[in-house]
């Protein structure tokens, strides 16, 4: 997050995580990410999309 904030052109950080990946979901929980949608990944299946302003 610090590196993204240091880049002038970066305004949003986005992560995609499988709904079953509780460890990753827990990791981002303290950073203010908000779920904004979902997508289907050919390899990983369903992924939730989260974003936070930088």
PDB file of N, CA and C in Angstrom:
ATOM      1  N   UNK A   1       0.813  -1.169   0.000  1.00  0.00           N
ATOM      2  CA  UNK A   1       0.000   0.000   0.000  1.00  0.00           C
ATOM      3  C   UNK A   1       0.871   1.253   0.000  1.00  0.00           C
ATOM      4  N   UNK A   2       1.968   1.221   0.736  1.00  0.00           N
ATOM      5  CA  UNK A   2       2.866   2.391   0.739  1.00  0.00           C
ATOM      6  C   UNK A   2       3.453   2.639  -0.633  1.00  0.00           C
ATOM      7  N   UNK A   3       3.832   1.569  -1.294  1.00  0.00           N
ATOM      8  CA  UNK A   3       4.415   1.738  -2.628  1.00  0.00           C
ATOM      9  C   UNK A   3       3.373   2.294  -3.592  1.00  0.00           C
ATOM     10  N   UNK A   4       2.149   1.794  -3.535  1.00  0.00           N
ATOM     11  CA  UNK A   4       1.087   2.293  -4.408  1.00  0.00           C
ATOM     12  C   UNK A   4       0.825   3.769  -4.136  1.00  0.00           C
ATOM     13  N   UNK A   5       0.819   4.156  -2.879  1.00  0.00           N
ATOM     14  CA  UNK A   5       0.579   5.556  -2.512  1.00  0.00           C
ATOM     15  C   UNK A   5       1.694   6.468  -3.009  1.00  0.00           C
ATOM     16  N   UNK A   6       2.885   5.916  -3.151  1.00  0.00           N
ATOM     17  CA  UNK A   6       4.031   6.710  -3.604  1.00  0.00           C
ATOM     18  C   UNK A   6       4.010   6.949  -5.115  1.00  0.00           C
ATOM     19  N   UNK A   7       3.212   6.194  -5.842  1.00  0.00           N
ATOM     20  CA  UNK A   7       3.119   6.332  -7.296  1.00  0.00           C
ATOM     21  C   UNK A   7       2.035   7.351  -7.638  1.00  0.00           C
ATOM     22  N   UNK A   8       2.397   8.412  -8.328  1.00  0.00           N
ATOM     23  CA  UNK A   8       1.455   9.500  -8.593  1.00  0.00           C
ATOM     24  C   UNK A   8       0.256   9.075  -9.445  1.00  0.00           C
ATOM     25  N   UNK A   9       0.412   8.109 -10.299  1.00  0.00           N
ATOM     26  CA  UNK A   9      -0.673   7.697 -11.175  1.00  0.00           C
ATOM     27  C   UNK A   9      -1.614   6.659 -10.582  1.00  0.00           C
ATOM     28  N   UNK A  10      -1.303   6.165  -9.403  1.00  0.00           N
ATOM     29  CA  UNK A  10      -2.120   5.118  -8.787  1.00  0.00           C
ATOM     30  C   UNK A  10      -3.152   5.764  -7.868  1.00  0.00           C
ATOM     31  N   UNK A  11      -4.425   5.478  -8.119  1.00  0.00           N
ATOM     32  CA  UNK A  11      -5.490   6.036  -7.289  1.00  0.00           C
ATOM     33  C   UNK A  11      -6.286   4.974  -6.548  1.00  0.00           C
ATOM     34  N   UNK A  12      -6.191   3.722  -7.026  1.00  0.00           N
ATOM     35  CA  UNK A  12      -6.965   2.631  -6.434  1.00  0.00           C
ATOM     36  C   UNK A  12      -6.116   1.368  -6.392  1.00  0.00           C
ATOM     37  N   UNK A  13      -6.215   0.652  -5.270  1.00  0.00           N
ATOM     38  CA  UNK A  13      -5.602  -0.675  -5.177  1.00  0.00           C
ATOM     39  C   UNK A  13      -6.727  -1.695  -5.301  1.00  0.00           C
ATOM     40  N   UNK A  14      -6.491  -2.729  -6.088  1.00  0.00           N
ATOM     41  CA  UNK A  14      -7.509  -3.756  -6.326  1.00  0.00           C
ATOM     42  C   UNK A  14      -6.898  -5.120  -6.064  1.00  0.00           C
ATOM     43  N   UNK A  15      -7.669  -5.973  -5.407  1.00  0.00           N
ATOM     44  CA  UNK A  15      -7.267  -7.368  -5.197  1.00  0.00           C
ATOM     45  C   UNK A  15      -8.428  -8.269  -5.581  1.00  0.00           C
ATOM     46  N   UNK A  16      -8.102  -9.454  -6.045  1.00  0.00           N
ATOM     47  CA  UNK A  16      -9.115 -10.472  -6.307  1.00  0.00           C
ATOM     48  C   UNK A  16      -8.765 -11.698  -5.486  1.00  0.00           C
ATOM     49  N   UNK A  17      -9.771 -12.239  -4.802  1.00  0.00           N
ATOM     50  CA  UNK A  17      -9.543 -13.346  -3.871  1.00  0.00           C
ATOM     51  C   UNK A  17     -10.687 -14.345  -3.991  1.00  0.00           C
ATOM     52  N   UNK A  18     -10.342 -15.611  -3.955  1.00  0.00           N
ATOM     53  CA  UNK A  18     -11.356 -16.659  -3.922  1.00  0.00           C
ATOM     54  C   UNK A  18     -12.171 -16.522  -2.636  1.00  0.00           C
ATOM     55  N   UNK A  19     -13.487 -16.707  -2.709  1.00  0.00           N
ATOM     56  CA  UNK A  19     -14.306 -16.608  -1.503  1.00  0.00           C
ATOM     57  C   UNK A  19     -13.942 -17.644  -0.433  1.00  0.00           C
ATOM     58  N   UNK A  20     -13.293 -18.725  -0.833  1.00  0.00           N
ATOM     59  CA  UNK A  20     -12.876 -19.745   0.133  1.00  0.00           C
ATOM     60  C   UNK A  20     -11.518 -19.463   0.765  1.00  0.00           C
ATOM     61  N   UNK A  21     -10.821 -18.451   0.284  1.00  0.00           N
ATOM     62  CA  UNK A  21      -9.480 -18.147   0.789  1.00  0.00           C
ATOM     63  C   UNK A  21      -9.588 -17.231   2.014  1.00  0.00           C
ATOM     64  N   UNK A  22      -9.935 -17.837   3.130  1.00  0.00           N
ATOM     65  CA  UNK A  22     -10.168 -17.062   4.350  1.00  0.00           C
ATOM     66  C   UNK A  22      -8.913 -16.353   4.852  1.00  0.00           C
ATOM     67  N   UNK A  23      -7.748 -16.924   4.631  1.00  0.00           N
ATOM     68  CA  UNK A  23      -6.508 -16.285   5.075  1.00  0.00           C
ATOM     69  C   UNK A  23      -6.289 -14.966   4.336  1.00  0.00           C
ATOM     70  N   UNK A  24      -6.459 -14.956   3.031  1.00  0.00           N
ATOM     71  CA  UNK A  24      -6.283 -13.722   2.258  1.00  0.00           C
ATOM     72  C   UNK A  24      -7.377 -12.716   2.568  1.00  0.00           C
ATOM     73  N   UNK A  25      -8.602 -13.174   2.735  1.00  0.00           N
ATOM     74  CA  UNK A  25      -9.694 -12.272   3.091  1.00  0.00           C
ATOM     75  C   UNK A  25      -9.415 -11.619   4.441  1.00  0.00           C
ATOM     76  N   UNK A  26      -8.878 -12.379   5.365  1.00  0.00           N
ATOM     77  CA  UNK A  26      -8.524 -11.845   6.677  1.00  0.00           C
ATOM     78  C   UNK A  26      -7.382 -10.842   6.575  1.00  0.00           C
ATOM     79  N   UNK A  27      -6.425 -11.126   5.707  1.00  0.00           N
ATOM     80  CA  UNK A  27      -5.267 -10.242   5.538  1.00  0.00           C
ATOM     81  C   UNK A  27      -5.678  -8.857   5.069  1.00  0.00           C
ATOM     82  N   UNK A  28      -6.617  -8.768   4.130  1.00  0.00           N
ATOM     83  CA  UNK A  28      -6.998  -7.456   3.602  1.00  0.00           C
ATOM     84  C   UNK A  28      -8.016  -6.730   4.480  1.00  0.00           C
ATOM     85  N   UNK A  29      -8.583  -7.424   5.447  1.00  0.00           N
ATOM     86  CA  UNK A  29      -9.681  -6.842   6.224  1.00  0.00           C
ATOM     87  C   UNK A  29      -9.287  -5.570   6.967  1.00  0.00           C
ATOM     88  N   UNK A  30      -8.066  -5.417   7.365  1.00  0.00           N
ATOM     89  CA  UNK A  30      -7.639  -4.242   8.109  1.00  0.00           C
ATOM     90  C   UNK A  30      -7.181  -3.072   7.250  1.00  0.00           C
ATOM     91  N   UNK A  31      -7.297  -3.194   5.927  1.00  0.00           N
ATOM     92  CA  UNK A  31      -6.790  -2.159   5.030  1.00  0.00           C
ATOM     93  C   UNK A  31      -7.886  -1.323   4.375  1.00  0.00           C
ATOM     94  N   UNK A  32      -9.138  -1.539   4.737  1.00  0.00           N
ATOM     95  CA  UNK A  32     -10.221  -0.731   4.212  1.00  0.00           C
ATOM     96  C   UNK A  32     -10.745  -1.138   2.851  1.00  0.00           C
ATOM     97  N   UNK A  33     -10.388  -2.326   2.387  1.00  0.00           N
ATOM     98  CA  UNK A  33     -10.883  -2.789   1.087  1.00  0.00           C
ATOM     99  C   UNK A  33     -12.392  -3.007   1.148  1.00  0.00           C
ATOM    100  N   UNK A  34     -13.068  -2.674   0.055  1.00  0.00           N
ATOM    101  CA  UNK A  34     -14.510  -2.842  -0.070  1.00  0.00           C
ATOM    102  C   UNK A  34     -14.780  -3.763  -1.250  1.00  0.00           C
ATOM    103  N   UNK A  35     -15.665  -4.727  -1.065  1.00  0.00           N
ATOM    104  CA  UNK A  35     -16.025  -5.625  -2.163  1.00  0.00           C
ATOM    105  C   UNK A  35     -16.827  -4.851  -3.200  1.00  0.00           C
ATOM    106  N   UNK A  36     -16.367  -4.906  -4.460  1.00  0.00           N
ATOM    107  CA  UNK A  36     -17.023  -4.158  -5.533  1.00  0.00           C
ATOM    108  C   UNK A  36     -17.592  -5.046  -6.627  1.00  0.00           C
ATOM    109  N   UNK A  37     -17.370  -6.340  -6.533  1.00  0.00           N
ATOM    110  CA  UNK A  37     -17.898  -7.229  -7.561  1.00  0.00           C
ATOM    111  C   UNK A  37     -17.263  -8.597  -7.497  1.00  0.00           C
ATOM    112  N   UNK A  38     -17.454  -9.334  -8.567  1.00  0.00           N
ATOM    113  CA  UNK A  38     -16.844 -10.658  -8.675  1.00  0.00           C
ATOM    114  C   UNK A  38     -16.527 -10.932 -10.136  1.00  0.00           C
ATOM    115  N   UNK A  39     -15.650 -11.908 -10.337  1.00  0.00           N
ATOM    116  CA  UNK A  39     -15.266 -12.300 -11.693  1.00  0.00           C
ATOM    117  C   UNK A  39     -14.981 -13.786 -11.710  1.00  0.00           C
ATOM    118  N   UNK A  40     -14.987 -14.332 -12.922  1.00  0.00           N
ATOM    119  CA  UNK A  40     -14.648 -15.744 -13.094  1.00  0.00           C
ATOM    120  C   UNK A  40     -13.257 -15.824 -13.696  1.00  0.00           C
ATOM    121  N   UNK A  41     -12.369 -16.534 -13.015  1.00  0.00           N
ATOM    122  CA  UNK A  41     -11.004 -16.743 -13.487  1.00  0.00           C
ATOM    123  C   UNK A  41     -10.905 -18.151 -14.054  1.00  0.00           C
ATOM    124  N   UNK A  42     -10.326 -18.274 -15.244  1.00  0.00           N
ATOM    125  CA  UNK A  42     -10.222 -19.581 -15.904  1.00  0.00           C
ATOM    126  C   UNK A  42      -9.480 -20.616 -15.054  1.00  0.00           C
ATOM    127  N   UNK A  43      -8.513 -20.186 -14.272  1.00  0.00           N
ATOM    128  CA  UNK A  43      -7.713 -21.103 -13.462  1.00  0.00           C
ATOM    129  C   UNK A  43      -8.288 -21.260 -12.058  1.00  0.00           C
ATOM    130  N   UNK A  44      -8.628 -20.147 -11.421  1.00  0.00           N
ATOM    131  CA  UNK A  44      -9.003 -20.162 -10.010  1.00  0.00           C
ATOM    132  C   UNK A  44     -10.501 -20.209  -9.744  1.00  0.00           C
ATOM    133  N   UNK A  45     -11.325 -20.031 -10.767  1.00  0.00           N
ATOM    134  CA  UNK A  45     -12.765 -20.029 -10.553  1.00  0.00           C
ATOM    135  C   UNK A  45     -13.255 -18.666 -10.076  1.00  0.00           C
ATOM    136  N   UNK A  46     -14.279 -18.676  -9.230  1.00  0.00           N
ATOM    137  CA  UNK A  46     -14.876 -17.444  -8.750  1.00  0.00           C
ATOM    138  C   UNK A  46     -13.893 -16.656  -7.886  1.00  0.00           C
ATOM    139  N   UNK A  47     -13.794 -15.364  -8.162  1.00  0.00           N
ATOM    140  CA  UNK A  47     -12.969 -14.464  -7.358  1.00  0.00           C
ATOM    141  C   UNK A  47     -13.803 -13.243  -6.983  1.00  0.00           C
ATOM    142  N   UNK A  48     -13.657 -12.799  -5.758  1.00  0.00           N
ATOM    143  CA  UNK A  48     -14.282 -11.561  -5.313  1.00  0.00           C
ATOM    144  C   UNK A  48     -13.315 -10.425  -5.601  1.00  0.00           C
ATOM    145  N   UNK A  49     -13.839  -9.281  -5.996  1.00  0.00           N
ATOM    146  CA  UNK A  49     -13.011  -8.116  -6.317  1.00  0.00           C
ATOM    147  C   UNK A  49     -13.167  -7.087  -5.202  1.00  0.00           C
ATOM    148  N   UNK A  50     -12.042  -6.631  -4.672  1.00  0.00           N
ATOM    149  CA  UNK A  50     -12.034  -5.632  -3.615  1.00  0.00           C
ATOM    150  C   UNK A  50     -11.186  -4.450  -4.061  1.00  0.00           C
ATOM    151  N   UNK A  51     -11.593  -3.242  -3.657  1.00  0.00           N
ATOM    152  CA  UNK A  51     -10.823  -2.034  -3.984  1.00  0.00           C
ATOM    153  C   UNK A  51     -10.746  -1.125  -2.758  1.00  0.00           C
ATOM    154  N   UNK A  52      -9.711  -0.303  -2.759  1.00  0.00           N
ATOM    155  CA  UNK A  52      -9.537   0.725  -1.738  1.00  0.00           C
ATOM    156  C   UNK A  52      -8.829   1.915  -2.399  1.00  0.00           C
ATOM    157  N   UNK A  53      -9.257   3.140  -2.087  1.00  0.00           N
ATOM    158  CA  UNK A  53      -8.511   4.303  -2.606  1.00  0.00           C
ATOM    159  C   UNK A  53      -7.120   4.310  -2.010  1.00  0.00           C
ATOM    160  N   UNK A  54      -6.167   4.764  -2.799  1.00  0.00           N
ATOM    161  CA  UNK A  54      -4.776   4.804  -2.323  1.00  0.00           C
ATOM    162  C   UNK A  54      -4.484   6.149  -1.704  1.00  0.00           C
TER     163      UNK A  54
END
